[in-house]
Amino acid sequence: MPSCCDRSARHFTALALLGAVVITAHAAPAQAALDVAWDCYLTSSSVSCDRLAQAFFSNGAFARSAADAADPNNPNSPDTSVHVRAIDNADGTAFRIDVHGKDGSTFTLEDRVPRGFSDDAVLLRLVGDLHKGTAHLFSLDQPGTSDGDALVLRLRDPDAGPRQARKDDEQTGWYVAPSLGFNANASGVTQLSAYGNVEVNWSNPAWRLHGYGWSHYRFVHLDDGSDDPEDTYQNFNLGTDGTVVRTLGAGFAVGANAYVMREPQENYLLRGGTQVGVEWMLSPFLKTDEANVGVRYEIGAEHHEYVYETVLLRRSLDELRHRARVFGAWHFSRVDLNGGLTAQSVVDDLNYSSISANGGLTWRILDDLSLQVQGELSYRNGLLNEPKDQSQLPPLEAFYGGGSYGDVTYWSWVGLEYVFGNSLLLRQDQRWR
């Protein structure tokens, strides 16, 4: 803690009481612990409203303006309205804090700070008053503990869902989430598939930096007793992408994305590109039992290197592509649902277009360990990457990989995911998913 606060603590030594209560409110850095409409007027105080807001909020961007008052009839209004006033008097400064919750609750706290207190001491006292004035809006998950002469209550935002994982998660603005999947079967044909993915993220209310990497290995062997090399088919895919998002406000954000991948079963020896776009969503940061909907438009350039010559008689290609996406999600305390509809095409040729629908379910076995089920169904028109002659493919590759060039394709995936860092942030931050 800064030295200013150490000096202030000495001012309170004579005022400390045996029954003092220390309240700590946990919140993910991606959003405020409470969604607060902030109204402050302290012209007669030695402490400014800006300084008080910086001390009370983990990020000043969390505070809404006083015009966005808590309203029980408006689900999009903040959780609470906080009004802070100061009135100078002969003995020092009188402070009044009025708290109005969206649930209809009200709370008023008045405090008087004698003259002679340092500015830092007044600031600490006001922050403590604000914590006490809003404590009834939080949930208490465990009994209080003693810390010297103080009773410590660890509170959380009830909308943020239960916390049963590492206690430091909510102070973290990043996460790393690896996931693994595996399946095998043998019935005349032996098939083995293994998946490995990793998602990394850092974000705050203004920015999001997100990266994703994936790999897939597939082994197929025809059990006919021969040693024909064409009885075995192996395929290895991998890729990565990175996204930068800047929030503009009112649900709008702009983003840029770059990606590179290798998918030989789709005739891509190399596929890379960049995109820029704009997005609007109802709830950029989801609370528990809250739904979200949004739309996004992107446009960008792609470069292809092919394994086999394509129907356009090309071994490489550069193109401009754009896409539009409509999506939604619902975040519950233990389960998340999401889905979307995407349409995309080459900018100057709708013959090379597609439409796809995807959906997924995530069940948090623990706060940091989840089981995921995902799937997608697509319909495509002409394909730029389709080989000119599929008969040139080895028989097993034509059979198991040839579906990549059909009009209708689908895939599904089941896997376990473990989150290092802020597992709550993984579900809350909905920007550019």
Protein backbone atom coordinates (compact mmCIF):
# COMPACT_ATOMS: atom_id res chain seq x y z
CA MET A 1 0.00 0.00 0.00
CA PRO A 2 1.34 3.52 -0.73
CA SER A 3 3.04 5.41 2.07
CA CYS A 4 0.19 7.96 2.13
CA CYS A 5 -2.14 5.30 3.45
CA ASP A 6 0.40 4.18 6.08
CA ARG A 7 0.43 7.75 7.39
CA SER A 8 -3.36 7.80 7.41
CA ALA A 9 -3.57 4.58 9.38
CA ARG A 10 -1.78 6.26 12.29
CA HIS A 11 -4.52 8.89 12.43
CA PHE A 12 -7.06 6.13 13.05
CA THR A 13 -5.16 4.36 15.83
CA ALA A 14 -6.89 6.32 18.57
CA LEU A 15 -10.28 5.78 16.91
CA ALA A 16 -10.05 2.03 16.34
CA LEU A 17 -12.74 -0.03 18.07
CA LEU A 18 -12.57 -3.67 19.07
CA GLY A 19 -15.67 -4.38 17.00
CA ALA A 20 -14.41 -2.75 13.83
CA VAL A 21 -15.64 -4.43 10.65
CA VAL A 22 -13.44 -4.76 7.54
CA ILE A 23 -15.36 -5.53 4.34
CA THR A 24 -13.67 -6.82 1.19
CA ALA A 25 -15.72 -7.11 -1.99
CA HIS A 26 -14.42 -9.46 -4.67
CA ALA A 27 -14.93 -8.57 -8.32
CA ALA A 28 -13.43 -9.62 -11.64
CA PRO A 29 -11.44 -6.77 -13.19
CA ALA A 30 -13.56 -7.04 -16.32
CA GLN A 31 -16.51 -5.42 -14.51
CA ALA A 32 -17.33 -3.59 -11.30
CA ALA A 33 -18.36 -5.60 -8.26
CA LEU A 34 -21.57 -3.60 -8.46
CA ASP A 35 -22.91 -1.69 -11.43
CA VAL A 36 -23.04 1.78 -9.85
CA ALA A 37 -24.59 5.08 -10.88
CA TRP A 38 -22.20 7.54 -9.23
CA ASP A 39 -23.32 10.97 -7.99
CA CYS A 40 -20.75 12.89 -5.94
CA TYR A 41 -20.60 16.50 -4.69
CA LEU A 42 -17.74 17.29 -2.29
CA THR A 43 -16.87 20.95 -2.92
CA SER A 44 -16.64 21.66 0.83
CA SER A 45 -14.41 18.65 1.53
CA SER A 46 -10.63 18.30 1.41
CA VAL A 47 -11.13 15.16 -0.71
CA SER A 48 -12.22 15.49 -4.35
CA CYS A 49 -14.85 13.31 -6.00
CA ASP A 50 -12.32 12.12 -8.59
CA ARG A 51 -9.94 10.94 -5.90
CA LEU A 52 -12.72 9.20 -3.99
CA ALA A 53 -13.90 7.43 -7.17
CA GLN A 54 -10.35 6.26 -7.92
CA ALA A 55 -10.07 4.81 -4.41
CA PHE A 56 -13.51 3.15 -4.38
CA PHE A 57 -13.66 1.74 -7.93
CA SER A 58 -11.01 -0.67 -9.20
CA ASN A 59 -11.38 1.19 -12.53
CA GLY A 60 -13.06 4.58 -12.95
CA ALA A 61 -14.74 3.33 -16.14
CA PHE A 62 -16.95 1.12 -13.98
CA ALA A 63 -18.94 4.08 -12.66
CA ARG A 64 -22.02 5.14 -14.59
CA SER A 65 -23.24 8.71 -14.65
CA ALA A 66 -25.83 9.84 -12.14
CA ALA A 67 -28.39 10.01 -14.96
CA ASP A 68 -28.35 6.18 -15.17
CA ALA A 69 -30.10 5.75 -11.84
CA ALA A 70 -31.12 2.37 -10.42
CA ASP A 71 -34.64 1.61 -11.60
CA PRO A 72 -36.57 -1.56 -10.57
CA ASN A 73 -38.60 -1.29 -13.80
CA ASN A 74 -35.55 -1.14 -16.09
CA PRO A 75 -33.47 -4.36 -16.28
CA ASN A 76 -30.63 -2.47 -17.97
CA SER A 77 -30.29 0.08 -15.19
CA PRO A 78 -27.38 -0.18 -12.70
CA ASP A 79 -27.57 -2.27 -9.54
CA THR A 80 -27.45 0.76 -7.31
CA SER A 81 -27.29 4.55 -7.21
CA VAL A 82 -24.78 6.08 -4.80
CA HIS A 83 -25.04 9.75 -3.80
CA VAL A 84 -22.23 11.35 -1.76
CA ARG A 85 -22.52 14.82 -0.24
CA ALA A 86 -20.35 16.92 2.13
CA ILE A 87 -21.40 19.87 4.27
CA ASP A 88 -18.83 21.96 6.12
CA ASN A 89 -19.57 22.73 9.78
CA ALA A 90 -17.80 24.14 12.82
CA ASP A 91 -16.51 20.79 14.03
CA GLY A 92 -15.20 19.57 10.68
CA THR A 93 -17.01 18.04 7.70
CA ALA A 94 -20.29 16.12 7.66
CA PHE A 95 -20.76 13.46 5.00
CA ARG A 96 -24.00 11.85 3.86
CA ILE A 97 -24.12 8.73 1.69
CA ASP A 98 -27.43 7.61 0.18
CA VAL A 99 -27.62 4.19 -1.52
CA HIS A 100 -30.65 3.14 -3.60
CA GLY A 101 -30.67 -0.45 -4.89
CA LYS A 102 -32.48 -1.64 -8.00
CA ASP A 103 -34.25 -4.11 -5.72
CA GLY A 104 -35.93 -1.15 -3.99
CA SER A 105 -33.68 -1.12 -0.92
CA THR A 106 -32.41 2.17 0.51
CA PHE A 107 -29.63 2.94 2.97
CA THR A 108 -28.39 6.23 4.40
CA LEU A 109 -25.16 6.69 6.33
CA GLU A 110 -23.97 9.93 7.92
CA ASP A 111 -20.46 10.50 9.24
CA ARG A 112 -18.59 13.48 10.69
CA VAL A 113 -14.84 13.87 10.32
CA PRO A 114 -13.26 16.26 12.88
CA ARG A 115 -10.86 18.94 11.77
CA GLY A 116 -7.21 18.01 11.83
CA PHE A 117 -7.54 14.71 9.92
CA SER A 118 -5.17 14.47 6.97
CA ASP A 119 -6.62 14.23 3.46
CA ASP A 120 -5.53 10.59 3.27
CA ALA A 121 -7.29 9.77 6.54
CA VAL A 122 -10.51 11.37 5.31
CA LEU A 123 -10.25 9.40 2.06
CA LEU A 124 -9.86 6.08 3.92
CA ARG A 125 -12.80 6.89 6.15
CA LEU A 126 -15.03 7.74 3.19
CA VAL A 127 -14.08 4.56 1.33
CA GLY A 128 -14.94 2.56 4.45
CA ASP A 129 -18.30 4.34 4.66
CA LEU A 130 -19.01 3.50 1.01
CA HIS A 131 -18.19 -0.16 1.63
CA LYS A 132 -20.55 -0.25 4.60
CA GLY A 133 -23.24 1.60 2.68
CA THR A 134 -23.26 -0.94 -0.16
CA ALA A 135 -22.50 -4.13 1.81
CA HIS A 136 -26.17 -5.16 1.98
CA LEU A 137 -26.21 -5.54 -1.82
CA PHE A 138 -23.58 -8.29 -1.77
CA SER A 139 -23.71 -11.98 -0.83
CA LEU A 140 -21.85 -13.44 2.13
CA ASP A 141 -20.71 -17.00 1.27
CA GLN A 142 -18.81 -17.81 4.46
CA PRO A 143 -18.71 -16.64 8.09
CA GLY A 144 -16.59 -13.67 8.97
CA THR A 145 -13.04 -14.17 10.17
CA SER A 146 -11.00 -12.18 12.65
CA ASP A 147 -7.92 -10.23 11.64
CA GLY A 148 -6.44 -8.75 14.77
CA ASP A 149 -9.17 -6.56 16.25
CA ALA A 150 -11.20 -6.51 13.04
CA LEU A 151 -13.98 -8.72 11.72
CA VAL A 152 -13.41 -9.46 8.03
CA LEU A 153 -16.40 -10.20 5.79
CA ARG A 154 -15.65 -11.46 2.27
CA LEU A 155 -18.50 -10.38 0.02
CA ARG A 156 -19.23 -10.89 -3.66
CA ASP A 157 -21.62 -9.60 -6.28
CA PRO A 158 -24.55 -12.08 -6.27
CA ASP A 159 -24.91 -11.63 -10.05
CA ALA A 160 -21.38 -12.93 -10.62
CA GLY A 161 -22.26 -16.51 -9.64
CA PRO A 162 -20.76 -18.71 -6.93
CA ARG A 163 -17.01 -18.83 -6.47
CA GLN A 164 -15.55 -22.18 -5.47
CA ALA A 165 -12.12 -21.97 -7.10
CA ARG A 166 -8.90 -20.15 -6.30
CA LYS A 167 -9.49 -17.04 -4.21
CA ASP A 168 -7.12 -14.92 -6.31
CA ASP A 169 -8.97 -15.59 -9.58
CA GLU A 170 -11.12 -12.49 -9.38
CA GLN A 171 -8.12 -10.19 -9.08
CA THR A 172 -6.75 -11.45 -12.40
CA GLY A 173 -7.35 -9.82 -15.79
CA TRP A 174 -6.16 -12.80 -17.83
CA TYR A 175 -6.77 -16.47 -18.35
CA VAL A 176 -5.16 -19.41 -20.16
CA ALA A 177 -7.55 -22.25 -21.01
CA PRO A 178 -6.17 -25.46 -22.54
CA SER A 179 -8.59 -28.21 -23.60
CA LEU A 180 -8.14 -31.78 -24.76
CA GLY A 181 -10.32 -34.33 -26.56
CA PHE A 182 -9.82 -37.91 -27.71
CA ASN A 183 -11.88 -40.66 -29.30
CA ALA A 184 -11.16 -44.09 -30.76
CA ASN A 185 -13.09 -46.91 -32.39
CA ALA A 186 -12.36 -50.09 -34.34
CA SER A 187 -14.84 -52.02 -36.49
CA GLY A 188 -13.03 -53.17 -39.58
CA VAL A 189 -11.47 -49.72 -39.69
CA THR A 190 -9.40 -48.39 -36.80
CA GLN A 191 -9.85 -44.67 -36.15
CA LEU A 192 -8.06 -42.50 -33.62
CA SER A 193 -8.61 -38.77 -33.19
CA ALA A 194 -6.96 -36.41 -30.73
CA TYR A 195 -7.64 -32.71 -30.25
CA GLY A 196 -5.64 -30.10 -28.38
CA ASN A 197 -6.62 -26.42 -28.09
CA VAL A 198 -5.51 -23.47 -25.99
CA GLU A 199 -7.17 -20.09 -25.49
CA VAL A 200 -5.36 -17.07 -23.99
CA ASN A 201 -6.89 -13.73 -23.07
CA TRP A 202 -6.24 -10.40 -21.38
CA SER A 203 -9.01 -7.83 -21.15
CA ASN A 204 -10.45 -4.84 -19.34
CA PRO A 205 -13.57 -2.75 -20.10
CA ALA A 206 -11.78 -0.85 -22.88
CA TRP A 207 -9.61 -3.51 -24.56
CA ARG A 208 -9.48 -7.20 -25.25
CA LEU A 209 -6.47 -9.18 -26.51
CA HIS A 210 -7.40 -12.74 -27.39
CA GLY A 211 -5.55 -15.65 -28.94
CA TYR A 212 -6.51 -19.19 -29.86
CA GLY A 213 -4.54 -22.18 -31.09
CA TRP A 214 -5.77 -25.62 -32.12
CA SER A 215 -4.51 -28.93 -33.41
CA HIS A 216 -6.13 -32.17 -34.57
CA TYR A 217 -4.52 -35.51 -35.38
CA ARG A 218 -6.47 -38.27 -37.15
CA PHE A 219 -5.29 -41.81 -37.85
CA VAL A 220 -7.32 -44.24 -39.99
CA HIS A 221 -6.26 -47.81 -40.84
CA LEU A 222 -8.14 -50.36 -42.92
CA ASP A 223 -7.86 -53.72 -41.13
CA ASP A 224 -7.82 -55.97 -44.21
CA GLY A 225 -4.65 -57.89 -43.33
CA SER A 226 -2.56 -56.38 -46.13
CA ASP A 227 0.42 -54.06 -45.93
CA ASP A 228 -0.79 -51.70 -48.65
CA PRO A 229 0.34 -48.14 -47.80
CA GLU A 230 -3.01 -46.87 -49.04
CA ASP A 231 -4.68 -48.77 -46.17
CA THR A 232 -3.48 -46.02 -43.79
CA TYR A 233 -4.51 -42.38 -43.77
CA GLN A 234 -3.12 -39.76 -41.37
CA ASN A 235 -3.99 -36.11 -41.12
CA PHE A 236 -2.66 -33.33 -38.91
CA ASN A 237 -4.28 -29.89 -38.72
CA LEU A 238 -3.13 -26.91 -36.73
CA GLY A 239 -3.76 -23.21 -36.66
CA THR A 240 -3.76 -20.05 -34.59
CA ASP A 241 -5.43 -16.66 -34.60
CA GLY A 242 -5.22 -13.45 -32.61
CA THR A 243 -7.75 -10.67 -32.07
CA VAL A 244 -7.54 -7.11 -30.76
CA VAL A 245 -10.83 -5.46 -29.71
CA ARG A 246 -11.48 -1.84 -28.73
CA THR A 247 -14.73 -0.98 -27.01
CA LEU A 248 -16.38 2.22 -28.25
CA GLY A 249 -19.34 2.32 -25.86
CA ALA A 250 -23.09 1.63 -26.04
CA GLY A 251 -22.34 -2.00 -26.90
CA PHE A 252 -20.21 -1.16 -29.96
CA ALA A 253 -16.65 -2.35 -30.52
CA VAL A 254 -14.17 -2.54 -33.38
CA GLY A 255 -11.74 -5.38 -33.85
CA ALA A 256 -8.93 -6.76 -35.97
CA ASN A 257 -8.11 -10.42 -36.44
CA ALA A 258 -5.21 -12.32 -38.04
CA TYR A 259 -4.97 -16.08 -38.53
CA VAL A 260 -2.90 -18.81 -40.14
CA MET A 261 -3.67 -22.53 -40.41
CA ARG A 262 -2.82 -25.81 -42.11
CA GLU A 263 -5.77 -28.06 -43.07
CA PRO A 264 -4.66 -30.63 -45.69
CA GLN A 265 -7.95 -32.57 -45.51
CA GLU A 266 -9.55 -29.40 -46.93
CA ASN A 267 -6.74 -29.00 -49.50
CA TYR A 268 -5.14 -26.13 -47.56
CA LEU A 269 -1.40 -26.48 -47.30
CA LEU A 270 -1.52 -22.95 -45.89
CA ARG A 271 -4.38 -20.55 -45.27
CA GLY A 272 -3.83 -17.13 -43.72
CA GLY A 273 -5.60 -13.83 -43.57
CA THR A 274 -6.52 -10.65 -41.73
CA GLN A 275 -9.92 -9.10 -41.04
CA VAL A 276 -11.31 -5.91 -39.54
CA GLY A 277 -14.87 -5.33 -38.45
CA VAL A 278 -17.43 -3.73 -36.17
CA GLU A 279 -19.65 -5.42 -33.61
CA TRP A 280 -22.66 -4.53 -31.48
CA MET A 281 -23.89 -6.58 -28.55
CA LEU A 282 -26.43 -6.13 -25.81
CA SER A 283 -24.21 -7.27 -22.92
CA PRO A 284 -20.43 -7.18 -23.50
CA PHE A 285 -19.92 -8.61 -19.98
CA LEU A 286 -22.49 -11.19 -18.91
CA LYS A 287 -23.74 -11.58 -15.37
CA THR A 288 -25.17 -14.82 -14.03
CA ASP A 289 -28.59 -15.65 -15.47
CA GLU A 290 -28.16 -12.99 -18.14
CA ALA A 291 -28.56 -13.37 -21.89
CA ASN A 292 -26.70 -11.67 -24.71
CA VAL A 293 -27.35 -11.08 -28.40
CA GLY A 294 -25.21 -9.34 -30.97
CA VAL A 295 -24.23 -8.84 -34.61
CA ARG A 296 -20.85 -8.47 -36.30
CA TYR A 297 -19.58 -7.62 -39.79
CA GLU A 298 -16.01 -8.32 -40.95
CA ILE A 299 -14.06 -7.90 -44.17
CA GLY A 300 -10.52 -8.92 -45.00
CA ALA A 301 -7.99 -10.57 -47.29
CA GLU A 302 -6.95 -14.24 -47.45
CA HIS A 303 -4.04 -16.10 -49.01
CA HIS A 304 -4.26 -19.82 -49.93
CA GLU A 305 -1.64 -22.42 -50.77
CA TYR A 306 -3.19 -25.71 -51.93
CA VAL A 307 -2.11 -29.34 -51.69
CA TYR A 308 -3.80 -30.25 -54.98
CA GLU A 309 -4.69 -28.11 -57.98
CA THR A 310 -8.20 -26.71 -57.58
CA VAL A 311 -11.26 -26.47 -59.82
CA LEU A 312 -9.97 -23.00 -60.78
CA LEU A 313 -6.69 -24.60 -61.90
CA ARG A 314 -4.80 -22.82 -59.15
CA ARG A 315 -2.16 -23.93 -56.64
CA SER A 316 -2.42 -20.63 -54.76
CA LEU A 317 -4.93 -17.79 -54.54
CA ASP A 318 -5.49 -14.37 -52.97
CA GLU A 319 -9.02 -13.19 -52.32
CA LEU A 320 -11.17 -10.62 -50.49
CA ARG A 321 -13.80 -12.15 -48.19
CA HIS A 322 -16.49 -10.74 -45.93
CA ARG A 323 -18.95 -12.21 -43.46
CA ALA A 324 -21.84 -11.28 -41.18
CA ARG A 325 -22.68 -13.05 -37.94
CA VAL A 326 -25.67 -13.04 -35.56
CA PHE A 327 -25.05 -14.69 -32.21
CA GLY A 328 -26.41 -15.17 -28.70
CA ALA A 329 -25.41 -16.61 -25.34
CA TRP A 330 -26.90 -17.30 -21.91
CA HIS A 331 -24.71 -17.47 -18.82
CA PHE A 332 -25.96 -19.47 -15.81
CA SER A 333 -24.08 -20.21 -12.61
CA ARG A 334 -23.03 -23.68 -13.80
CA VAL A 335 -24.04 -23.94 -17.46
CA ASP A 336 -23.49 -21.71 -20.50
CA LEU A 337 -25.34 -21.91 -23.80
CA ASN A 338 -24.28 -20.21 -27.03
CA GLY A 339 -25.19 -20.25 -30.69
CA GLY A 340 -24.84 -18.29 -33.88
CA LEU A 341 -25.59 -17.99 -37.58
CA THR A 342 -22.86 -16.92 -40.03
CA ALA A 343 -23.01 -16.02 -43.74
CA GLN A 344 -19.83 -15.37 -45.72
CA SER A 345 -18.65 -15.13 -49.30
CA VAL A 346 -15.95 -13.88 -51.64
CA VAL A 347 -16.58 -10.13 -51.97
CA ASP A 348 -17.13 -10.11 -55.74
CA ASP A 349 -18.62 -13.59 -56.29
CA LEU A 350 -21.60 -15.00 -54.39
CA ASN A 351 -21.07 -18.37 -56.08
CA TYR A 352 -18.37 -18.92 -53.48
CA SER A 353 -20.47 -18.40 -50.37
CA SER A 354 -21.65 -20.39 -47.37
CA ILE A 355 -24.01 -20.25 -44.42
CA SER A 356 -23.45 -22.08 -41.15
CA ALA A 357 -25.11 -22.53 -37.76
CA ASN A 358 -23.19 -23.41 -34.62
CA GLY A 359 -24.03 -24.10 -31.00
CA GLY A 360 -22.40 -25.16 -27.79
CA LEU A 361 -22.94 -26.06 -24.15
CA THR A 362 -20.43 -25.68 -21.33
CA TRP A 363 -20.91 -27.34 -17.94
CA ARG A 364 -18.58 -26.15 -15.17
CA ILE A 365 -17.79 -29.25 -13.14
CA LEU A 366 -15.67 -26.94 -11.00
CA ASP A 367 -15.21 -23.22 -11.51
CA ASP A 368 -11.95 -23.92 -13.37
CA LEU A 369 -12.78 -27.29 -14.96
CA SER A 370 -15.46 -27.51 -17.66
CA LEU A 371 -16.94 -30.07 -20.01
CA GLN A 372 -17.65 -28.64 -23.47
CA VAL A 373 -19.91 -29.84 -26.27
CA GLN A 374 -19.79 -27.91 -29.56
CA GLY A 375 -21.02 -28.43 -33.10
CA GLU A 376 -21.58 -26.76 -36.46
CA LEU A 377 -23.63 -27.43 -39.58
CA SER A 378 -22.74 -25.70 -42.89
CA TYR A 379 -24.11 -25.40 -46.40
CA ARG A 380 -21.65 -24.25 -49.08
CA ASN A 381 -21.98 -23.26 -52.72
CA GLY A 382 -18.91 -23.50 -54.91
CA LEU A 383 -15.59 -24.02 -53.10
CA LEU A 384 -12.38 -22.29 -54.10
CA ASN A 385 -10.35 -25.02 -52.41
CA GLU A 386 -12.02 -28.06 -54.05
CA PRO A 387 -9.50 -30.27 -55.91
CA LYS A 388 -9.94 -30.37 -59.68
CA ASP A 389 -9.95 -34.16 -59.64
CA GLN A 390 -10.75 -35.92 -56.37
CA SER A 391 -9.68 -39.24 -57.91
CA GLN A 392 -6.10 -38.10 -57.41
CA LEU A 393 -6.60 -38.39 -53.65
CA PRO A 394 -5.59 -41.70 -51.98
CA PRO A 395 -8.72 -43.87 -51.45
CA LEU A 396 -8.95 -43.49 -47.65
CA GLU A 397 -8.28 -39.76 -47.88
CA ALA A 398 -10.98 -39.42 -50.54
CA PHE A 399 -13.40 -41.33 -48.30
CA TYR A 400 -12.67 -39.68 -44.94
CA GLY A 401 -11.50 -36.28 -46.14
CA GLY A 402 -13.60 -36.00 -49.26
CA GLY A 403 -16.61 -34.88 -47.25
CA SER A 404 -14.80 -31.60 -46.77
CA TYR A 405 -15.85 -30.69 -50.32
CA GLY A 406 -19.52 -31.62 -50.05
CA ASP A 407 -22.41 -29.15 -50.09
CA VAL A 408 -23.33 -29.96 -46.48
CA THR A 409 -20.77 -30.57 -43.75
CA TYR A 410 -20.92 -30.83 -40.00
CA TRP A 411 -18.61 -31.38 -37.08
CA SER A 412 -18.95 -31.93 -33.34
CA TRP A 413 -16.51 -31.86 -30.47
CA VAL A 414 -16.53 -32.93 -26.82
CA GLY A 415 -13.64 -32.08 -24.53
CA LEU A 416 -12.45 -31.01 -21.10
CA GLU A 417 -11.11 -27.51 -20.49
CA TYR A 418 -9.14 -26.23 -17.50
CA VAL A 419 -8.66 -22.51 -16.86
CA PHE A 420 -5.59 -20.91 -15.33
CA GLY A 421 -6.26 -17.38 -14.17
CA ASN A 422 -9.70 -15.80 -14.07
CA SER A 423 -12.15 -18.56 -14.99
CA LEU A 424 -15.11 -16.21 -14.48
CA LEU A 425 -13.74 -13.77 -17.07
CA LEU A 426 -13.73 -16.56 -19.67
CA ARG A 427 -17.53 -16.67 -19.53
CA GLN A 428 -18.22 -12.98 -18.88
CA ASP A 429 -16.29 -11.25 -21.67
CA GLN A 430 -18.43 -11.75 -24.78
CA ARG A 431 -16.63 -9.41 -27.16
CA TRP A 432 -15.62 -10.83 -30.56
CA ARG A 433 -16.33 -14.48 -29.78
